[in-house]
């Protein structure tokens, strides 16, 4: 994920108010993605084990209960798949120790490659004004009903902000990811397979990913 020269991830502390160009290292997610994450309500239906989550937004998860920031990634999206909100990540493959027909069908049909994501869209002017005046942003709902019933109030001049809209982001429009069984490996061990060689996945880079810059993300989830 992005590592900005600013440790807080706040726009008013980035050069020229642009946290997408004020960088020290490589960039994956952008600032707007993280801003939405830190202001979006946490999905309280997720499994959190015995962890006490210290935030009520999408930064706190079972694996990140304190909401620690790592670049501009969204911990809730990172830890749960398939995620229900729009993301910048295209799916390549799901490799599972239980790649049943039903499970693979679920993963493939719900991948953002082929299925768009609904979300609550706040007007850009609302975010800009709140950041300029350093005021709190109203929590972003994750349901249609709550979104359409949210009143953003007025700006400093008494003008009513536009109402939030429940909209659907387009899918990436690429084939669904491959879903296959994982080769045998020792439990809780990322390493060699039964033949003594490292586990691997052969991927042919598709033409739609050709770019001057790209990022490849590998996620390892234990349930």
Protein backbone atom coordinates (compact mmCIF):
# COMPACT_ATOMS: atom_id res chain seq x y z
CA UNK A 1 0.00 0.00 0.00
CA UNK A 2 0.96 3.62 -0.32
CA UNK A 3 3.43 5.14 2.08
CA UNK A 4 3.06 8.91 2.00
CA UNK A 5 5.58 11.38 3.33
CA UNK A 6 2.84 12.29 5.79
CA UNK A 7 2.19 9.83 8.61
CA UNK A 8 -1.41 10.83 9.29
CA UNK A 9 -2.93 10.35 5.85
CA UNK A 10 -4.65 13.74 6.16
CA UNK A 11 -5.06 15.90 3.11
CA UNK A 12 -4.33 19.15 4.93
CA UNK A 13 -0.88 17.79 5.79
CA UNK A 14 0.04 16.78 2.24
CA UNK A 15 1.94 19.06 -0.12
CA UNK A 16 -0.44 21.13 -2.28
CA UNK A 17 -3.30 19.29 -0.56
CA UNK A 18 -2.66 16.31 -2.80
CA UNK A 19 -1.85 13.06 -1.00
CA UNK A 20 -1.71 11.19 -4.31
CA UNK A 21 1.42 13.05 -5.42
CA UNK A 22 3.09 13.79 -2.07
CA UNK A 23 4.79 10.40 -1.88
CA UNK A 24 7.99 8.89 -0.61
CA UNK A 25 7.50 5.30 -1.75
CA UNK A 26 5.30 3.37 -4.20
CA UNK A 27 1.55 3.86 -4.39
CA UNK A 28 -1.16 1.22 -4.67
CA UNK A 29 -4.45 2.54 -3.31
CA UNK A 30 -5.11 6.29 -3.52
CA UNK A 31 -6.02 8.82 -0.85
CA UNK A 32 -9.77 8.92 -1.64
CA UNK A 33 -9.94 5.15 -1.19
CA UNK A 34 -8.44 5.37 2.31
CA UNK A 35 -10.54 8.42 3.21
CA UNK A 36 -13.70 6.47 2.42
CA UNK A 37 -12.43 3.50 4.39
CA UNK A 38 -11.67 5.43 7.56
CA UNK A 39 -15.07 7.16 7.45
CA UNK A 40 -17.16 4.15 6.42
CA UNK A 41 -19.12 2.19 9.00
CA UNK A 42 -17.62 -1.13 9.95
CA UNK A 43 -19.56 -4.21 8.91
CA UNK A 44 -20.60 -5.49 12.33
CA UNK A 45 -21.69 -8.85 10.93
CA UNK A 46 -18.11 -9.98 10.38
CA UNK A 47 -16.34 -12.60 12.48
CA UNK A 48 -14.01 -10.89 14.96
CA UNK A 49 -13.15 -13.86 17.26
CA UNK A 50 -12.19 -12.65 20.75
CA UNK A 51 -10.82 -9.29 19.57
CA UNK A 52 -12.12 -6.00 20.97
CA UNK A 53 -12.17 -3.63 18.02
CA UNK A 54 -11.24 -0.09 18.98
CA UNK A 55 -12.90 1.68 16.06
CA UNK A 56 -16.35 1.53 14.48
CA UNK A 57 -15.08 2.12 10.95
CA UNK A 58 -13.64 -0.14 8.24
CA UNK A 59 -10.08 0.24 9.57
CA UNK A 60 -10.72 -2.13 12.50
CA UNK A 61 -10.82 -5.87 11.89
CA UNK A 62 -10.02 -9.06 13.76
CA UNK A 63 -6.47 -8.84 12.41
CA UNK A 64 -6.18 -5.08 12.86
CA UNK A 65 -8.27 -4.23 15.95
CA UNK A 66 -6.57 -0.88 16.59
CA UNK A 67 -7.15 0.40 13.06
CA UNK A 68 -3.42 0.80 12.32
CA UNK A 69 -2.78 2.54 9.01
CA UNK A 70 -0.51 0.86 6.49
CA UNK A 71 -0.27 3.08 3.48
CA UNK A 72 -3.74 3.68 2.06
CA UNK A 73 -5.00 0.10 2.16
CA UNK A 74 -8.39 -0.60 3.75
CA UNK A 75 -7.98 -3.34 6.40
CA UNK A 76 -11.58 -4.54 6.14
CA UNK A 77 -11.24 -5.03 2.38
CA UNK A 78 -7.84 -6.68 2.83
CA UNK A 79 -9.09 -9.19 5.42
CA UNK A 80 -12.44 -10.25 3.93
CA UNK A 81 -13.25 -11.60 0.47
CA UNK A 82 -15.22 -11.00 -1.63
CA UNK A 83 -15.57 -7.44 -0.42
CA UNK A 84 -18.91 -5.68 -0.87
CA UNK A 85 -17.61 -2.20 -1.76
CA UNK A 86 -15.64 -1.00 -4.78
CA UNK A 87 -11.88 -1.59 -4.71
CA UNK A 88 -8.99 -0.94 -7.12
CA UNK A 89 -7.97 -4.63 -7.09
CA UNK A 90 -8.65 -7.00 -9.99
CA UNK A 91 -8.88 -10.69 -9.10
CA UNK A 92 -6.50 -13.21 -10.66
CA UNK A 93 -7.05 -16.47 -8.81
CA UNK A 94 -8.52 -17.99 -5.67
CA UNK A 95 -6.49 -20.93 -4.40
CA UNK A 96 -8.22 -22.80 -1.60
CA UNK A 97 -7.92 -26.04 0.35
CA UNK A 98 -11.67 -26.39 -0.20
CA UNK A 99 -12.28 -25.31 -3.79
CA UNK A 100 -15.66 -27.03 -4.07
CA UNK A 101 -17.88 -26.36 -7.07
CA UNK A 102 -20.33 -24.33 -4.98
CA UNK A 103 -17.64 -22.29 -3.26
CA UNK A 104 -15.79 -21.53 -6.49
CA UNK A 105 -19.03 -20.55 -8.20
CA UNK A 106 -19.73 -18.10 -5.37
CA UNK A 107 -16.27 -16.56 -5.57
CA UNK A 108 -16.33 -16.25 -9.34
CA UNK A 109 -19.83 -14.77 -9.66
CA UNK A 110 -19.18 -12.29 -6.84
CA UNK A 111 -15.77 -11.15 -8.01
CA UNK A 112 -15.57 -7.45 -8.83
CA UNK A 113 -14.19 -8.53 -12.18
CA UNK A 114 -17.75 -9.36 -13.23
CA UNK A 115 -20.05 -7.83 -10.60
CA UNK A 116 -20.26 -4.11 -9.81
CA UNK A 117 -20.36 -2.87 -6.22
CA UNK A 118 -22.96 -0.61 -4.61
CA UNK A 119 -21.82 2.08 -2.21
CA UNK A 120 -22.93 5.31 -0.57
CA UNK A 121 -21.52 8.23 -2.52
CA UNK A 122 -21.01 11.54 -0.72
CA UNK A 123 -20.61 14.68 -2.89
CA UNK A 124 -16.99 15.71 -3.47
CA UNK A 125 -17.76 19.23 -2.28
CA UNK A 126 -18.73 17.82 1.12
CA UNK A 127 -15.38 16.06 1.58
CA UNK A 128 -13.44 19.10 0.36
CA UNK A 129 -15.20 21.52 2.70
CA UNK A 130 -14.82 19.26 5.72
CA UNK A 131 -11.11 18.80 5.05
CA UNK A 132 -10.48 22.50 4.47
CA UNK A 133 -12.22 23.38 7.73
CA UNK A 134 -10.76 20.34 9.53
CA UNK A 135 -14.19 19.14 10.67
CA UNK A 136 -15.44 15.63 11.20
CA UNK A 137 -16.94 13.73 8.29
CA UNK A 138 -20.28 12.05 8.96
CA UNK A 139 -20.00 8.24 9.06
CA UNK A 140 -20.59 6.69 5.64
CA UNK A 141 -23.37 4.05 5.77
CA UNK A 142 -23.03 0.66 4.10
CA UNK A 143 -26.74 0.05 3.43
CA UNK A 144 -29.06 1.65 0.88
CA UNK A 145 -31.66 2.66 3.46
CA UNK A 146 -29.19 4.35 5.80
CA UNK A 147 -27.46 6.06 2.90
CA UNK A 148 -30.61 7.59 1.47
CA UNK A 149 -31.75 8.73 4.92
CA UNK A 150 -28.45 10.47 5.76
CA UNK A 151 -28.61 14.24 6.10
CA UNK A 152 -25.18 15.83 5.62
CA UNK A 153 -26.32 19.18 7.03
CA UNK A 154 -25.11 22.57 5.85
CA UNK A 155 -21.81 24.26 5.12
CA UNK A 156 -20.49 27.31 6.95
CA UNK A 157 -22.73 29.59 4.88
CA UNK A 158 -25.90 27.70 5.68
CA UNK A 159 -26.11 25.98 2.28
CA UNK A 160 -27.48 22.44 2.36
CA UNK A 161 -25.09 19.78 1.09
CA UNK A 162 -26.33 17.52 -1.68
CA UNK A 163 -27.83 14.28 -0.42
CA UNK A 164 -25.75 11.09 -0.55
CA UNK A 165 -26.60 8.67 -3.34
CA UNK A 166 -26.66 4.87 -3.36
CA UNK A 167 -24.85 4.08 -6.62
CA UNK A 168 -23.25 1.09 -8.29
CA UNK A 169 -19.65 1.13 -9.45
CA UNK A 170 -19.04 -0.73 -12.70
CA UNK A 171 -17.30 -4.10 -12.64
CA UNK A 172 -13.82 -4.29 -14.15
CA UNK A 173 -15.27 -6.04 -17.18
CA UNK A 174 -12.69 -8.82 -17.30
CA UNK A 175 -13.07 -12.62 -16.91
CA UNK A 176 -13.85 -14.06 -13.50
CA UNK A 177 -10.82 -15.28 -11.55
CA UNK A 178 -9.64 -18.85 -11.69
CA UNK A 179 -10.60 -20.93 -8.65
CA UNK A 180 -8.52 -24.03 -7.95
CA UNK A 181 -7.50 -26.40 -5.19
CA UNK A 182 -4.32 -25.55 -3.34
CA UNK A 183 -1.48 -28.04 -3.48
CA UNK A 184 -0.63 -29.80 -0.23
CA UNK A 185 1.47 -27.88 2.26
CA UNK A 186 2.19 -28.21 5.93
CA UNK A 187 -0.49 -26.51 8.04
CA UNK A 188 0.03 -22.79 8.64
CA UNK A 189 3.12 -22.83 6.48
CA UNK A 190 3.84 -20.76 3.38
CA UNK A 191 6.61 -22.74 1.77
CA UNK A 192 7.47 -26.01 0.08
CA UNK A 193 4.93 -28.53 -1.17
CA UNK A 194 4.94 -32.30 -0.92
CA UNK A 195 7.71 -32.60 -3.54
CA UNK A 196 10.03 -30.26 -1.66
CA UNK A 197 9.66 -27.40 -4.14
CA UNK A 198 8.03 -24.04 -3.40
CA UNK A 199 4.31 -23.82 -4.08
CA UNK A 200 3.56 -21.76 -7.18
CA UNK A 201 0.87 -20.54 -9.55
CA UNK A 202 1.51 -20.01 -13.25
CA UNK A 203 -0.13 -16.83 -14.48
CA UNK A 204 -0.17 -15.47 -18.01
CA UNK A 205 -0.24 -11.69 -17.74
CA UNK A 206 -3.32 -10.48 -19.68
CA UNK A 207 -3.13 -7.53 -22.05
CA UNK A 208 -5.46 -5.34 -19.98
CA UNK A 209 -2.88 -5.19 -17.17
CA UNK A 210 -0.05 -3.88 -19.33
CA UNK A 211 1.00 -0.53 -17.91
CA UNK A 212 4.07 1.47 -16.95
CA UNK A 213 3.25 0.72 -13.29
CA UNK A 214 1.41 -2.13 -11.65
CA UNK A 215 1.15 -3.90 -8.30
CA UNK A 216 0.58 -7.57 -7.54
CA UNK A 217 -1.02 -8.45 -4.19
CA UNK A 218 -0.97 -11.87 -2.56
CA UNK A 219 -3.39 -12.45 0.32
CA UNK A 220 -3.06 -15.32 2.76
CA UNK A 221 -6.15 -15.90 4.88
CA UNK A 222 -6.53 -18.51 7.61
CA UNK A 223 -10.00 -19.44 8.82
